[in-house]
Amino acid sequence: MGANALRGEAELCVAGARLVLRPSFAALVAAEAELGPLFALVERAADGRLALGELATLFWHCVKDRPDALAREDVGEAVVAQGLAAVTPALRILLGQILQGR
């Protein structure tokens, strides 16, 4: 199953697999615990100051039904391999959900 736009989900390709990124409450709480307040994260992104590690961390926490074989580094490597331009649409969707909710 692909991403459900009605749930604010996005997709990320990692090692040839399409992963669904879902910004659930639990995922965002876990990301916030590691990255700090989500509003500050959104502000950094808007200012072009979102670090690569922060982006990968947000994606990691939002992976729905995370495969056991998936390592956090795989997500980061996928972001680097695809480039920021390719993963920006997924980031926009997640940041939009953080700001607007469902």
PDB file of N, CA and C in Angstrom:
ATOM      1  N   MET A   1       0.849  -1.181   0.000  1.00  0.00           N
ATOM      2  CA  MET A   1       0.000   0.000   0.000  1.00  0.00           C
ATOM      3  C   MET A   1       0.891   1.239   0.000  1.00  0.00           C
ATOM      4  N   GLY A   2       0.461   2.223  -0.774  1.00  0.00           N
ATOM      5  CA  GLY A   2       1.197   3.472  -0.849  1.00  0.00           C
ATOM      6  C   GLY A   2       0.758   4.441   0.235  1.00  0.00           C
ATOM      7  N   ALA A   3       1.326   5.632   0.151  1.00  0.00           N
ATOM      8  CA  ALA A   3       1.006   6.677   1.113  1.00  0.00           C
ATOM      9  C   ALA A   3      -0.440   7.141   0.927  1.00  0.00           C
ATOM     10  N   ASN A   4      -1.092   7.445   2.017  1.00  0.00           N
ATOM     11  CA  ASN A   4      -2.463   7.946   2.015  1.00  0.00           C
ATOM     12  C   ASN A   4      -2.412   9.451   2.274  1.00  0.00           C
ATOM     13  N   ALA A   5      -2.664  10.224   1.234  1.00  0.00           N
ATOM     14  CA  ALA A   5      -2.596  11.684   1.348  1.00  0.00           C
ATOM     15  C   ALA A   5      -3.568  12.222   2.391  1.00  0.00           C
ATOM     16  N   LEU A   6      -4.690  11.547   2.597  1.00  0.00           N
ATOM     17  CA  LEU A   6      -5.673  12.010   3.584  1.00  0.00           C
ATOM     18  C   LEU A   6      -5.141  11.913   5.009  1.00  0.00           C
ATOM     19  N   ARG A   7      -4.145  11.067   5.215  1.00  0.00           N
ATOM     20  CA  ARG A   7      -3.520  10.933   6.534  1.00  0.00           C
ATOM     21  C   ARG A   7      -2.245  11.756   6.634  1.00  0.00           C
ATOM     22  N   GLY A   8      -1.916  12.477   5.585  1.00  0.00           N
ATOM     23  CA  GLY A   8      -0.691  13.275   5.589  1.00  0.00           C
ATOM     24  C   GLY A   8       0.546  12.434   5.418  1.00  0.00           C
ATOM     25  N   GLU A   9       0.385  11.278   4.791  1.00  0.00           N
ATOM     26  CA  GLU A   9       1.522  10.382   4.595  1.00  0.00           C
ATOM     27  C   GLU A   9       2.311  10.772   3.356  1.00  0.00           C
ATOM     28  N   ALA A  10       3.574  10.397   3.358  1.00  0.00           N
ATOM     29  CA  ALA A  10       4.467  10.614   2.224  1.00  0.00           C
ATOM     30  C   ALA A  10       5.204   9.309   1.964  1.00  0.00           C
ATOM     31  N   GLU A  11       5.932   9.255   0.857  1.00  0.00           N
ATOM     32  CA  GLU A  11       6.714   8.062   0.534  1.00  0.00           C
ATOM     33  C   GLU A  11       8.186   8.421   0.422  1.00  0.00           C
ATOM     34  N   LEU A  12       9.012   7.454   0.784  1.00  0.00           N
ATOM     35  CA  LEU A  12      10.458   7.580   0.659  1.00  0.00           C
ATOM     36  C   LEU A  12      10.983   6.248   0.142  1.00  0.00           C
ATOM     37  N   CYS A  13      11.796   6.302  -0.887  1.00  0.00           N
ATOM     38  CA  CYS A  13      12.396   5.089  -1.433  1.00  0.00           C
ATOM     39  C   CYS A  13      13.713   4.822  -0.708  1.00  0.00           C
ATOM     40  N   VAL A  14      13.809   3.647  -0.102  1.00  0.00           N
ATOM     41  CA  VAL A  14      15.023   3.247   0.616  1.00  0.00           C
ATOM     42  C   VAL A  14      15.401   1.856   0.143  1.00  0.00           C
ATOM     43  N   ALA A  15      16.589   1.739  -0.430  1.00  0.00           N
ATOM     44  CA  ALA A  15      17.107   0.453  -0.909  1.00  0.00           C
ATOM     45  C   ALA A  15      16.108  -0.255  -1.819  1.00  0.00           C
ATOM     46  N   GLY A  16      15.485   0.504  -2.696  1.00  0.00           N
ATOM     47  CA  GLY A  16      14.546  -0.065  -3.658  1.00  0.00           C
ATOM     48  C   GLY A  16      13.146  -0.312  -3.129  1.00  0.00           C
ATOM     49  N   ALA A  17      12.933  -0.091  -1.855  1.00  0.00           N
ATOM     50  CA  ALA A  17      11.604  -0.283  -1.260  1.00  0.00           C
ATOM     51  C   ALA A  17      10.959   1.073  -1.006  1.00  0.00           C
ATOM     52  N   ARG A  18       9.659   1.157  -1.277  1.00  0.00           N
ATOM     53  CA  ARG A  18       8.917   2.385  -0.990  1.00  0.00           C
ATOM     54  C   ARG A  18       8.372   2.299   0.429  1.00  0.00           C
ATOM     55  N   LEU A  19       8.846   3.197   1.266  1.00  0.00           N
ATOM     56  CA  LEU A  19       8.394   3.246   2.652  1.00  0.00           C
ATOM     57  C   LEU A  19       7.372   4.355   2.805  1.00  0.00           C
ATOM     58  N   VAL A  20       6.378   4.108   3.623  1.00  0.00           N
ATOM     59  CA  VAL A  20       5.371   5.120   3.925  1.00  0.00           C
ATOM     60  C   VAL A  20       5.826   5.866   5.176  1.00  0.00           C
ATOM     61  N   LEU A  21       5.819   7.191   5.079  1.00  0.00           N
ATOM     62  CA  LEU A  21       6.128   8.044   6.224  1.00  0.00           C
ATOM     63  C   LEU A  21       4.815   8.587   6.755  1.00  0.00           C
ATOM     64  N   ARG A  22       4.508   8.246   7.994  1.00  0.00           N
ATOM     65  CA  ARG A  22       3.260   8.698   8.612  1.00  0.00           C
ATOM     66  C   ARG A  22       3.598   9.508   9.864  1.00  0.00           C
ATOM     67  N   PRO A  23       3.209  10.769   9.881  1.00  0.00           N
ATOM     68  CA  PRO A  23       3.499  11.601  11.047  1.00  0.00           C
ATOM     69  C   PRO A  23       2.481  11.394  12.167  1.00  0.00           C
ATOM     70  N   SER A  24       2.492  10.202  12.735  1.00  0.00           N
ATOM     71  CA  SER A  24       1.572   9.894  13.832  1.00  0.00           C
ATOM     72  C   SER A  24       2.015  10.632  15.101  1.00  0.00           C
ATOM     73  N   PHE A  25       1.138  10.675  16.071  1.00  0.00           N
ATOM     74  CA  PHE A  25       1.473  11.315  17.348  1.00  0.00           C
ATOM     75  C   PHE A  25       2.717  10.678  17.955  1.00  0.00           C
ATOM     76  N   ALA A  26       2.746   9.350  17.993  1.00  0.00           N
ATOM     77  CA  ALA A  26       3.892   8.655  18.590  1.00  0.00           C
ATOM     78  C   ALA A  26       5.184   8.949  17.836  1.00  0.00           C
ATOM     79  N   ALA A  27       5.106   8.981  16.509  1.00  0.00           N
ATOM     80  CA  ALA A  27       6.295   9.259  15.700  1.00  0.00           C
ATOM     81  C   ALA A  27       6.801  10.676  15.952  1.00  0.00           C
ATOM     82  N   LEU A  28       5.886  11.630  16.020  1.00  0.00           N
ATOM     83  CA  LEU A  28       6.296  13.016  16.221  1.00  0.00           C
ATOM     84  C   LEU A  28       6.812  13.259  17.629  1.00  0.00           C
ATOM     85  N   VAL A  29       6.253  12.579  18.612  1.00  0.00           N
ATOM     86  CA  VAL A  29       6.761  12.690  19.986  1.00  0.00           C
ATOM     87  C   VAL A  29       8.182  12.135  20.046  1.00  0.00           C
ATOM     88  N   ALA A  30       8.422  11.008  19.397  1.00  0.00           N
ATOM     89  CA  ALA A  30       9.768  10.422  19.381  1.00  0.00           C
ATOM     90  C   ALA A  30      10.752  11.340  18.669  1.00  0.00           C
ATOM     91  N   ALA A  31      10.332  11.920  17.557  1.00  0.00           N
ATOM     92  CA  ALA A  31      11.204  12.845  16.832  1.00  0.00           C
ATOM     93  C   ALA A  31      11.488  14.085  17.677  1.00  0.00           C
ATOM     94  N   GLU A  32      10.465  14.597  18.332  1.00  0.00           N
ATOM     95  CA  GLU A  32      10.627  15.789  19.162  1.00  0.00           C
ATOM     96  C   GLU A  32      11.556  15.520  20.348  1.00  0.00           C
ATOM     97  N   ALA A  33      11.469  14.333  20.922  1.00  0.00           N
ATOM     98  CA  ALA A  33      12.340  13.981  22.046  1.00  0.00           C
ATOM     99  C   ALA A  33      13.811  14.009  21.627  1.00  0.00           C
ATOM    100  N   GLU A  34      14.052  13.694  20.391  1.00  0.00           N
ATOM    101  CA  GLU A  34      15.425  13.656  19.898  1.00  0.00           C
ATOM    102  C   GLU A  34      15.873  14.984  19.286  1.00  0.00           C
ATOM    103  N   LEU A  35      14.958  15.672  18.613  1.00  0.00           N
ATOM    104  CA  LEU A  35      15.335  16.861  17.849  1.00  0.00           C
ATOM    105  C   LEU A  35      14.993  18.183  18.527  1.00  0.00           C
ATOM    106  N   GLY A  36      14.209  18.131  19.582  1.00  0.00           N
ATOM    107  CA  GLY A  36      13.750  19.361  20.207  1.00  0.00           C
ATOM    108  C   GLY A  36      12.375  19.725  19.674  1.00  0.00           C
ATOM    109  N   PRO A  37      11.866  20.870  20.078  1.00  0.00           N
ATOM    110  CA  PRO A  37      10.504  21.259  19.699  1.00  0.00           C
ATOM    111  C   PRO A  37      10.284  21.242  18.188  1.00  0.00           C
ATOM    112  N   LEU A  38       9.140  20.699  17.790  1.00  0.00           N
ATOM    113  CA  LEU A  38       8.844  20.576  16.364  1.00  0.00           C
ATOM    114  C   LEU A  38       8.645  21.929  15.695  1.00  0.00           C
ATOM    115  N   PHE A  39       8.122  22.899  16.420  1.00  0.00           N
ATOM    116  CA  PHE A  39       7.945  24.217  15.818  1.00  0.00           C
ATOM    117  C   PHE A  39       9.304  24.809  15.448  1.00  0.00           C
ATOM    118  N   ALA A  40      10.298  24.613  16.299  1.00  0.00           N
ATOM    119  CA  ALA A  40      11.655  25.092  15.996  1.00  0.00           C
ATOM    120  C   ALA A  40      12.220  24.350  14.788  1.00  0.00           C
ATOM    121  N   LEU A  41      11.902  23.072  14.665  1.00  0.00           N
ATOM    122  CA  LEU A  41      12.332  22.286  13.506  1.00  0.00           C
ATOM    123  C   LEU A  41      11.737  22.865  12.225  1.00  0.00           C
ATOM    124  N   VAL A  42      10.454  23.193  12.270  1.00  0.00           N
ATOM    125  CA  VAL A  42       9.778  23.789  11.117  1.00  0.00           C
ATOM    126  C   VAL A  42      10.412  25.140  10.783  1.00  0.00           C
ATOM    127  N   GLU A  43      10.718  25.931  11.796  1.00  0.00           N
ATOM    128  CA  GLU A  43      11.359  27.231  11.561  1.00  0.00           C
ATOM    129  C   GLU A  43      12.728  27.070  10.913  1.00  0.00           C
ATOM    130  N   ARG A  44      13.514  26.101  11.385  1.00  0.00           N
ATOM    131  CA  ARG A  44      14.831  25.850  10.775  1.00  0.00           C
ATOM    132  C   ARG A  44      14.672  25.438   9.317  1.00  0.00           C
ATOM    133  N   ALA A  45      13.685  24.609   9.055  1.00  0.00           N
ATOM    134  CA  ALA A  45      13.440  24.180   7.675  1.00  0.00           C
ATOM    135  C   ALA A  45      13.053  25.371   6.804  1.00  0.00           C
ATOM    136  N   ALA A  46      12.192  26.232   7.315  1.00  0.00           N
ATOM    137  CA  ALA A  46      11.752  27.404   6.558  1.00  0.00           C
ATOM    138  C   ALA A  46      12.906  28.357   6.283  1.00  0.00           C
ATOM    139  N   ASP A  47      13.863  28.401   7.198  1.00  0.00           N
ATOM    140  CA  ASP A  47      15.034  29.271   7.039  1.00  0.00           C
ATOM    141  C   ASP A  47      16.168  28.604   6.263  1.00  0.00           C
ATOM    142  N   GLY A  48      15.940  27.359   5.820  1.00  0.00           N
ATOM    143  CA  GLY A  48      16.988  26.643   5.097  1.00  0.00           C
ATOM    144  C   GLY A  48      18.114  26.166   5.997  1.00  0.00           C
ATOM    145  N   ARG A  49      17.820  25.984   7.280  1.00  0.00           N
ATOM    146  CA  ARG A  49      18.839  25.572   8.249  1.00  0.00           C
ATOM    147  C   ARG A  49      18.604  24.175   8.814  1.00  0.00           C
ATOM    148  N   LEU A  50      17.738  23.399   8.167  1.00  0.00           N
ATOM    149  CA  LEU A  50      17.480  22.035   8.636  1.00  0.00           C
ATOM    150  C   LEU A  50      18.676  21.171   8.262  1.00  0.00           C
ATOM    151  N   ALA A  51      19.278  20.566   9.245  1.00  0.00           N
ATOM    152  CA  ALA A  51      20.460  19.732   9.014  1.00  0.00           C
ATOM    153  C   ALA A  51      20.058  18.381   8.434  1.00  0.00           C
ATOM    154  N   LEU A  52      20.950  17.799   7.690  1.00  0.00           N
ATOM    155  CA  LEU A  52      20.714  16.497   7.065  1.00  0.00           C
ATOM    156  C   LEU A  52      20.353  15.445   8.110  1.00  0.00           C
ATOM    157  N   GLY A  53      21.036  15.444   9.225  1.00  0.00           N
ATOM    158  CA  GLY A  53      20.741  14.496  10.290  1.00  0.00           C
ATOM    159  C   GLY A  53      19.350  14.685  10.872  1.00  0.00           C
ATOM    160  N   GLU A  54      18.896  15.928  10.961  1.00  0.00           N
ATOM    161  CA  GLU A  54      17.546  16.199  11.456  1.00  0.00           C
ATOM    162  C   GLU A  54      16.501  15.674  10.484  1.00  0.00           C
ATOM    163  N   LEU A  55      16.747  15.886   9.207  1.00  0.00           N
ATOM    164  CA  LEU A  55      15.835  15.394   8.176  1.00  0.00           C
ATOM    165  C   LEU A  55      15.725  13.878   8.241  1.00  0.00           C
ATOM    166  N   ALA A  56      16.870  13.202   8.290  1.00  0.00           N
ATOM    167  CA  ALA A  56      16.875  11.735   8.354  1.00  0.00           C
ATOM    168  C   ALA A  56      16.212  11.237   9.633  1.00  0.00           C
ATOM    169  N   THR A  57      16.420  11.934  10.734  1.00  0.00           N
ATOM    170  CA  THR A  57      15.812  11.539  12.008  1.00  0.00           C
ATOM    171  C   THR A  57      14.293  11.663  11.945  1.00  0.00           C
ATOM    172  N   LEU A  58      13.797  12.758  11.400  1.00  0.00           N
ATOM    173  CA  LEU A  58      12.347  12.924  11.254  1.00  0.00           C
ATOM    174  C   LEU A  58      11.776  11.809  10.391  1.00  0.00           C
ATOM    175  N   PHE A  59      12.411  11.545   9.260  1.00  0.00           N
ATOM    176  CA  PHE A  59      11.946  10.465   8.389  1.00  0.00           C
ATOM    177  C   PHE A  59      11.982   9.126   9.125  1.00  0.00           C
ATOM    178  N   TRP A  60      13.053   8.846   9.826  1.00  0.00           N
ATOM    179  CA  TRP A  60      13.205   7.567  10.539  1.00  0.00           C
ATOM    180  C   TRP A  60      12.046   7.331  11.508  1.00  0.00           C
ATOM    181  N   HIS A  61      11.744   8.342  12.277  1.00  0.00           N
ATOM    182  CA  HIS A  61      10.679   8.180  13.266  1.00  0.00           C
ATOM    183  C   HIS A  61       9.302   8.050  12.625  1.00  0.00           C
ATOM    184  N   CYS A  62       9.147   8.586  11.421  1.00  0.00           N
ATOM    185  CA  CYS A  62       7.837   8.557  10.749  1.00  0.00           C
ATOM    186  C   CYS A  62       7.633   7.333   9.857  1.00  0.00           C
ATOM    187  N   VAL A  63       8.638   6.464   9.733  1.00  0.00           N
ATOM    188  CA  VAL A  63       8.465   5.269   8.893  1.00  0.00           C
ATOM    189  C   VAL A  63       7.384   4.390   9.518  1.00  0.00           C
ATOM    190  N   LYS A  64       6.333   4.156   8.748  1.00  0.00           N
ATOM    191  CA  LYS A  64       5.217   3.305   9.194  1.00  0.00           C
ATOM    192  C   LYS A  64       5.600   1.850   8.952  1.00  0.00           C
ATOM    193  N   ASP A  65       5.295   0.980   9.885  1.00  0.00           N
ATOM    194  CA  ASP A  65       5.589  -0.452   9.754  1.00  0.00           C
ATOM    195  C   ASP A  65       7.044  -0.665   9.347  1.00  0.00           C
ATOM    196  N   ARG A  66       7.943  -0.112  10.147  1.00  0.00           N
ATOM    197  CA  ARG A  66       9.378  -0.164   9.859  1.00  0.00           C
ATOM    198  C   ARG A  66       9.864  -1.608   9.782  1.00  0.00           C
ATOM    199  N   PRO A  67      10.443  -1.995   8.639  1.00  0.00           N
ATOM    200  CA  PRO A  67      10.980  -3.360   8.503  1.00  0.00           C
ATOM    201  C   PRO A  67      12.108  -3.605   9.507  1.00  0.00           C
ATOM    202  N   ASP A  68      12.171  -4.804  10.039  1.00  0.00           N
ATOM    203  CA  ASP A  68      13.208  -5.145  11.018  1.00  0.00           C
ATOM    204  C   ASP A  68      14.615  -4.948  10.461  1.00  0.00           C
ATOM    205  N   ALA A  69      14.784  -5.206   9.180  1.00  0.00           N
ATOM    206  CA  ALA A  69      16.114  -5.119   8.565  1.00  0.00           C
ATOM    207  C   ALA A  69      16.531  -3.679   8.262  1.00  0.00           C
ATOM    208  N   LEU A  70      15.612  -2.738   8.385  1.00  0.00           N
ATOM    209  CA  LEU A  70      15.924  -1.349   8.077  1.00  0.00           C
ATOM    210  C   LEU A  70      16.715  -0.722   9.213  1.00  0.00           C
ATOM    211  N   ALA A  71      17.863  -0.158   8.887  1.00  0.00           N
ATOM    212  CA  ALA A  71      18.678   0.557   9.866  1.00  0.00           C
ATOM    213  C   ALA A  71      18.477   2.053   9.670  1.00  0.00           C
ATOM    214  N   ARG A  72      18.647   2.780  10.721  1.00  0.00           N
ATOM    215  CA  ARG A  72      18.508   4.230  10.666  1.00  0.00           C
ATOM    216  C   ARG A  72      19.448   4.833   9.614  1.00  0.00           C
ATOM    217  N   GLU A  73      20.634   4.272   9.521  1.00  0.00           N
ATOM    218  CA  GLU A  73      21.608   4.758   8.546  1.00  0.00           C
ATOM    219  C   GLU A  73      21.110   4.568   7.121  1.00  0.00           C
ATOM    220  N   ASP A  74      20.287   3.546   6.894  1.00  0.00           N
ATOM    221  CA  ASP A  74      19.724   3.315   5.558  1.00  0.00           C
ATOM    222  C   ASP A  74      18.868   4.501   5.116  1.00  0.00           C
ATOM    223  N   VAL A  75      18.130   5.053   6.038  1.00  0.00           N
ATOM    224  CA  VAL A  75      17.288   6.207   5.724  1.00  0.00           C
ATOM    225  C   VAL A  75      18.168   7.400   5.359  1.00  0.00           C
ATOM    226  N   GLY A  76      19.188   7.649   6.153  1.00  0.00           N
ATOM    227  CA  GLY A  76      20.109   8.739   5.866  1.00  0.00           C
ATOM    228  C   GLY A  76      20.823   8.557   4.542  1.00  0.00           C
ATOM    229  N   GLU A  77      21.260   7.346   4.268  1.00  0.00           N
ATOM    230  CA  GLU A  77      21.941   7.063   3.003  1.00  0.00           C
ATOM    231  C   GLU A  77      20.997   7.243   1.818  1.00  0.00           C
ATOM    232  N   ALA A  78      19.738   6.882   1.994  1.00  0.00           N
ATOM    233  CA  ALA A  78      18.756   7.058   0.919  1.00  0.00           C
ATOM    234  C   ALA A  78      18.549   8.543   0.627  1.00  0.00           C
ATOM    235  N   VAL A  79      18.517   9.356   1.659  1.00  0.00           N
ATOM    236  CA  VAL A  79      18.363  10.799   1.478  1.00  0.00           C
ATOM    237  C   VAL A  79      19.550  11.349   0.699  1.00  0.00           C
ATOM    238  N   VAL A  80      20.753  10.940   1.071  1.00  0.00           N
ATOM    239  CA  VAL A  80      21.954  11.410   0.380  1.00  0.00           C
ATOM    240  C   VAL A  80      21.970  10.910  -1.066  1.00  0.00           C
ATOM    241  N   ALA A  81      21.630   9.646  -1.272  1.00  0.00           N
ATOM    242  CA  ALA A  81      21.670   9.060  -2.615  1.00  0.00           C
ATOM    243  C   ALA A  81      20.681   9.744  -3.558  1.00  0.00           C
ATOM    244  N   GLN A  82      19.495  10.083  -3.042  1.00  0.00           N
ATOM    245  CA  GLN A  82      18.462  10.699  -3.884  1.00  0.00           C
ATOM    246  C   GLN A  82      18.658  12.202  -4.029  1.00  0.00           C
ATOM    247  N   GLY A  83      19.275  12.803  -3.039  1.00  0.00           N
ATOM    248  CA  GLY A  83      19.463  14.248  -3.058  1.00  0.00           C
ATOM    249  C   GLY A  83      18.309  14.963  -2.386  1.00  0.00           C
ATOM    250  N   LEU A  84      18.617  16.140  -1.901  1.00  0.00           N
ATOM    251  CA  LEU A  84      17.608  16.906  -1.162  1.00  0.00           C
ATOM    252  C   LEU A  84      16.412  17.287  -2.021  1.00  0.00           C
ATOM    253  N   ALA A  85      16.645  17.574  -3.287  1.00  0.00           N
ATOM    254  CA  ALA A  85      15.529  17.953  -4.156  1.00  0.00           C
ATOM    255  C   ALA A  85      14.505  16.827  -4.276  1.00  0.00           C
ATOM    256  N   ALA A  86      14.981  15.594  -4.315  1.00  0.00           N
ATOM    257  CA  ALA A  86      14.074  14.450  -4.476  1.00  0.00           C
ATOM    258  C   ALA A  86      13.274  14.150  -3.214  1.00  0.00           C
ATOM    259  N   VAL A  87      13.822  14.444  -2.045  1.00  0.00           N
ATOM    260  CA  VAL A  87      13.119  14.113  -0.798  1.00  0.00           C
ATOM    261  C   VAL A  87      12.354  15.306  -0.212  1.00  0.00           C
ATOM    262  N   THR A  88      12.529  16.479  -0.804  1.00  0.00           N
ATOM    263  CA  THR A  88      11.840  17.667  -0.308  1.00  0.00           C
ATOM    264  C   THR A  88      10.318  17.535  -0.336  1.00  0.00           C
ATOM    265  N   PRO A  89       9.711  16.922  -1.370  1.00  0.00           N
ATOM    266  CA  PRO A  89       8.244  16.772  -1.321  1.00  0.00           C
ATOM    267  C   PRO A  89       7.759  15.997  -0.085  1.00  0.00           C
ATOM    268  N   ALA A  90       8.471  14.951   0.292  1.00  0.00           N
ATOM    269  CA  ALA A  90       8.088  14.195   1.496  1.00  0.00           C
ATOM    270  C   ALA A  90       8.254  15.062   2.739  1.00  0.00           C
ATOM    271  N   LEU A  91       9.326  15.826   2.789  1.00  0.00           N
ATOM    272  CA  LEU A  91       9.548  16.724   3.928  1.00  0.00           C
ATOM    273  C   LEU A  91       8.438  17.760   4.020  1.00  0.00           C
ATOM    274  N   ARG A  92       8.043  18.321   2.895  1.00  0.00           N
ATOM    275  CA  ARG A  92       6.964  19.321   2.884  1.00  0.00           C
ATOM    276  C   ARG A  92       5.666  18.736   3.439  1.00  0.00           C
ATOM    277  N   ILE A  93       5.367  17.523   3.035  1.00  0.00           N
ATOM    278  CA  ILE A  93       4.136  16.883   3.524  1.00  0.00           C
ATOM    279  C   ILE A  93       4.191  16.712   5.042  1.00  0.00           C
ATOM    280  N   LEU A  94       5.320  16.211   5.552  1.00  0.00           N
ATOM    281  CA  LEU A  94       5.431  15.997   6.994  1.00  0.00           C
ATOM    282  C   LEU A  94       5.383  17.319   7.763  1.00  0.00           C
ATOM    283  N   LEU A  95       6.096  18.328   7.262  1.00  0.00           N
ATOM    284  CA  LEU A  95       6.084  19.632   7.945  1.00  0.00           C
ATOM    285  C   LEU A  95       4.694  20.257   7.897  1.00  0.00           C
ATOM    286  N   GLY A  96       4.008  20.066   6.778  1.00  0.00           N
ATOM    287  CA  GLY A  96       2.634  20.569   6.679  1.00  0.00           C
ATOM    288  C   GLY A  96       1.731  19.923   7.707  1.00  0.00           C
ATOM    289  N   GLN A  97       1.900  18.647   7.920  1.00  0.00           N
ATOM    290  CA  GLN A  97       1.088  17.936   8.915  1.00  0.00           C
ATOM    291  C   GLN A  97       1.427  18.416  10.329  1.00  0.00           C
ATOM    292  N   ILE A  98       2.695  18.701  10.568  1.00  0.00           N
ATOM    293  CA  ILE A  98       3.085  19.205  11.885  1.00  0.00           C
ATOM    294  C   ILE A  98       2.386  20.536  12.155  1.00  0.00           C
ATOM    295  N   LEU A  99       2.331  21.394  11.140  1.00  0.00           N
ATOM    296  CA  LEU A  99       1.744  22.720  11.310  1.00  0.00           C
ATOM    297  C   LEU A  99       0.219  22.721  11.291  1.00  0.00           C
ATOM    298  N   GLN A 100      -0.375  21.916  10.399  1.00  0.00           N
ATOM    299  CA  GLN A 100      -1.806  21.993  10.187  1.00  0.00           C
ATOM    300  C   GLN A 100      -2.597  20.883  10.849  1.00  0.00           C
ATOM    301  N   GLY A 101      -1.961  19.747  11.084  1.00  0.00           N
ATOM    302  CA  GLY A 101      -2.698  18.603  11.611  1.00  0.00           C
ATOM    303  C   GLY A 101      -3.576  18.002  10.534  1.00  0.00           C
ATOM    304  N   ARG A 102      -4.448  17.112  10.940  1.00  0.00           N
ATOM    305  CA  ARG A 102      -5.311  16.422   9.959  1.00  0.00           C
ATOM    306  C   ARG A 102      -6.608  17.166   9.782  1.00  0.00           C
TER     307      ARG A 102
END
